[in-house]
């Protein structure tokens, strides 16, 4: 698994800002260190004064 594990990774990232889930990034495959180059951009409407929107969760999924 340590030798071949990175070859089978299929990672995507999704942000959750308060009650809103932002569209996941496209899947990146087969690397020990996954990068999004160019960076994946998402437009997020955010109200910093609303206590319900003050939490940011980053979820990383392995779809393999």
N, C-alpha and C. Protein backbone atom coordinates (compact mmCIF):
# COMPACT_ATOMS: atom_id res chain seq x y z
N UNK A 1 0.83 -1.20 0.00
CA UNK A 1 0.00 0.00 0.00
C UNK A 1 0.87 1.26 0.00
N UNK A 2 1.99 1.24 0.74
CA UNK A 2 2.85 2.42 0.77
C UNK A 2 3.49 2.70 -0.58
N UNK A 3 3.81 1.66 -1.32
CA UNK A 3 4.46 1.87 -2.62
C UNK A 3 3.47 2.27 -3.70
N UNK A 4 2.34 1.61 -3.76
CA UNK A 4 1.39 1.85 -4.85
C UNK A 4 0.19 2.69 -4.44
N UNK A 5 0.04 2.96 -3.15
CA UNK A 5 -1.11 3.71 -2.66
C UNK A 5 -1.35 5.03 -3.38
N UNK A 6 -0.32 5.88 -3.54
CA UNK A 6 -0.54 7.17 -4.20
C UNK A 6 -1.03 7.05 -5.64
N UNK A 7 -0.72 5.94 -6.30
CA UNK A 7 -1.17 5.78 -7.69
C UNK A 7 -2.68 5.67 -7.80
N UNK A 8 -3.33 5.24 -6.72
CA UNK A 8 -4.76 4.99 -6.77
C UNK A 8 -5.58 6.08 -6.08
N UNK A 9 -4.92 7.15 -5.63
CA UNK A 9 -5.67 8.24 -5.01
C UNK A 9 -6.52 8.96 -6.05
N UNK A 10 -7.66 9.40 -5.62
CA UNK A 10 -8.58 10.15 -6.47
C UNK A 10 -9.23 11.21 -5.57
N UNK A 11 -8.53 12.32 -5.35
CA UNK A 11 -8.94 13.28 -4.33
C UNK A 11 -9.74 14.45 -4.89
N UNK A 12 -10.73 14.87 -4.10
CA UNK A 12 -11.51 16.08 -4.37
C UNK A 12 -11.69 16.80 -3.05
N UNK A 13 -11.87 18.12 -3.12
CA UNK A 13 -12.03 18.95 -1.93
C UNK A 13 -13.34 19.70 -2.02
N UNK A 14 -14.05 19.79 -0.90
CA UNK A 14 -15.29 20.55 -0.84
C UNK A 14 -15.24 21.44 0.40
N UNK A 15 -15.65 22.69 0.24
CA UNK A 15 -15.73 23.62 1.36
C UNK A 15 -17.16 23.73 1.83
N UNK A 16 -17.32 23.85 3.14
CA UNK A 16 -18.63 24.08 3.74
C UNK A 16 -18.49 25.35 4.58
N UNK A 17 -19.23 26.38 4.21
CA UNK A 17 -19.19 27.65 4.91
C UNK A 17 -20.53 27.85 5.60
N UNK A 18 -20.55 27.64 6.92
CA UNK A 18 -21.81 27.69 7.65
C UNK A 18 -22.76 26.64 7.10
N UNK A 19 -23.97 27.04 6.72
CA UNK A 19 -24.93 26.07 6.19
C UNK A 19 -24.76 25.78 4.68
N UNK A 20 -23.83 26.47 4.01
CA UNK A 20 -23.69 26.35 2.56
C UNK A 20 -22.58 25.40 2.17
N UNK A 21 -22.88 24.45 1.27
CA UNK A 21 -21.84 23.58 0.70
C UNK A 21 -21.47 24.13 -0.67
N UNK A 22 -20.18 24.31 -0.88
CA UNK A 22 -19.68 24.82 -2.15
C UNK A 22 -19.34 23.64 -3.05
N UNK A 23 -19.54 23.80 -4.33
CA UNK A 23 -19.29 22.74 -5.31
C UNK A 23 -17.87 22.17 -5.15
N UNK A 24 -17.74 20.83 -5.14
CA UNK A 24 -16.41 20.22 -4.98
C UNK A 24 -15.49 20.53 -6.17
N UNK A 25 -14.20 20.45 -5.92
CA UNK A 25 -13.22 20.64 -6.99
C UNK A 25 -13.23 19.43 -7.92
N UNK A 26 -12.58 19.57 -9.06
CA UNK A 26 -12.41 18.41 -9.93
C UNK A 26 -11.44 17.44 -9.25
N UNK A 27 -11.53 16.21 -9.62
CA UNK A 27 -10.73 15.14 -9.00
C UNK A 27 -9.29 15.23 -9.49
N UNK A 28 -8.36 15.04 -8.57
CA UNK A 28 -6.93 14.93 -8.89
C UNK A 28 -6.50 13.51 -8.58
N UNK A 29 -5.78 12.90 -9.50
CA UNK A 29 -5.43 11.49 -9.37
C UNK A 29 -3.93 11.27 -9.30
N UNK A 30 -3.56 10.18 -8.61
CA UNK A 30 -2.24 9.58 -8.68
C UNK A 30 -1.05 10.41 -8.29
N UNK A 31 -1.02 10.93 -7.06
CA UNK A 31 0.15 11.66 -6.62
C UNK A 31 0.25 11.59 -5.10
N UNK A 32 1.48 11.57 -4.59
CA UNK A 32 1.66 11.61 -3.13
C UNK A 32 1.30 12.98 -2.59
N UNK A 33 1.59 14.03 -3.34
CA UNK A 33 1.29 15.40 -2.93
C UNK A 33 0.37 16.00 -3.98
N UNK A 34 -0.89 16.12 -3.64
CA UNK A 34 -1.87 16.62 -4.60
C UNK A 34 -1.86 18.14 -4.59
N UNK A 35 -1.81 18.73 -5.77
CA UNK A 35 -1.90 20.18 -5.89
C UNK A 35 -2.94 20.52 -6.95
N UNK A 36 -3.52 21.68 -6.81
CA UNK A 36 -4.44 22.18 -7.83
C UNK A 36 -3.74 23.36 -8.47
N UNK A 37 -3.17 23.12 -9.65
CA UNK A 37 -2.42 24.14 -10.34
C UNK A 37 -2.90 24.20 -11.78
N UNK A 38 -3.62 25.21 -12.17
CA UNK A 38 -3.92 26.43 -11.42
C UNK A 38 -4.92 26.15 -10.30
N UNK A 39 -4.95 27.02 -9.29
CA UNK A 39 -5.87 26.81 -8.17
C UNK A 39 -7.32 26.77 -8.63
N UNK A 40 -8.11 25.94 -7.97
CA UNK A 40 -9.55 25.87 -8.26
C UNK A 40 -10.22 27.06 -7.60
N UNK A 41 -10.96 27.82 -8.37
CA UNK A 41 -11.61 29.02 -7.83
C UNK A 41 -13.10 28.77 -7.67
N UNK A 42 -13.65 29.27 -6.58
CA UNK A 42 -15.08 29.19 -6.30
C UNK A 42 -15.54 30.54 -5.79
N UNK A 43 -16.70 30.98 -6.26
CA UNK A 43 -17.28 32.21 -5.74
C UNK A 43 -18.20 31.84 -4.58
N UNK A 44 -17.98 32.48 -3.44
CA UNK A 44 -18.74 32.16 -2.24
C UNK A 44 -19.31 33.45 -1.67
N UNK A 45 -20.62 33.49 -1.49
CA UNK A 45 -21.23 34.63 -0.82
C UNK A 45 -21.16 34.38 0.67
N UNK A 46 -20.62 35.35 1.42
CA UNK A 46 -20.34 35.14 2.82
C UNK A 46 -20.68 36.38 3.61
N UNK A 47 -21.38 36.20 4.72
CA UNK A 47 -21.72 37.29 5.62
C UNK A 47 -21.00 37.04 6.93
N UNK A 48 -19.89 37.73 7.17
CA UNK A 48 -19.09 37.52 8.37
C UNK A 48 -19.78 37.94 9.65
N UNK A 49 -20.83 38.73 9.54
CA UNK A 49 -21.56 39.15 10.74
C UNK A 49 -22.59 38.13 11.18
N UNK A 50 -22.95 37.21 10.30
CA UNK A 50 -23.94 36.17 10.63
C UNK A 50 -23.23 35.03 11.37
N UNK A 51 -23.59 34.78 12.64
CA UNK A 51 -22.91 33.71 13.40
C UNK A 51 -23.01 32.33 12.76
N UNK A 52 -24.06 32.09 11.98
CA UNK A 52 -24.23 30.79 11.33
C UNK A 52 -23.21 30.57 10.22
N UNK A 53 -22.61 31.64 9.71
CA UNK A 53 -21.66 31.53 8.60
C UNK A 53 -20.22 31.71 9.03
N UNK A 54 -19.95 31.60 10.30
CA UNK A 54 -18.59 31.82 10.80
C UNK A 54 -17.75 30.55 10.83
N UNK A 55 -18.30 29.42 10.49
CA UNK A 55 -17.52 28.18 10.50
C UNK A 55 -17.16 27.78 9.06
N UNK A 56 -15.91 27.38 8.87
CA UNK A 56 -15.43 26.92 7.58
C UNK A 56 -14.90 25.50 7.77
N UNK A 57 -15.43 24.56 7.00
CA UNK A 57 -15.00 23.17 7.06
C UNK A 57 -14.44 22.78 5.69
N UNK A 58 -13.28 22.17 5.68
CA UNK A 58 -12.66 21.68 4.44
C UNK A 58 -12.75 20.16 4.48
N UNK A 59 -13.44 19.59 3.49
CA UNK A 59 -13.60 18.14 3.40
C UNK A 59 -12.79 17.62 2.22
N UNK A 60 -11.98 16.60 2.47
CA UNK A 60 -11.18 15.96 1.41
C UNK A 60 -11.73 14.56 1.22
N UNK A 61 -12.08 14.23 -0.02
CA UNK A 61 -12.67 12.94 -0.35
C UNK A 61 -11.73 12.14 -1.24
N UNK A 62 -11.63 10.85 -0.97
CA UNK A 62 -10.91 9.92 -1.85
C UNK A 62 -11.95 9.07 -2.53
N UNK A 63 -12.14 9.31 -3.82
CA UNK A 63 -13.19 8.62 -4.55
C UNK A 63 -12.76 7.30 -5.16
N UNK A 64 -11.54 6.81 -4.84
CA UNK A 64 -11.08 5.57 -5.47
C UNK A 64 -11.70 4.36 -4.82
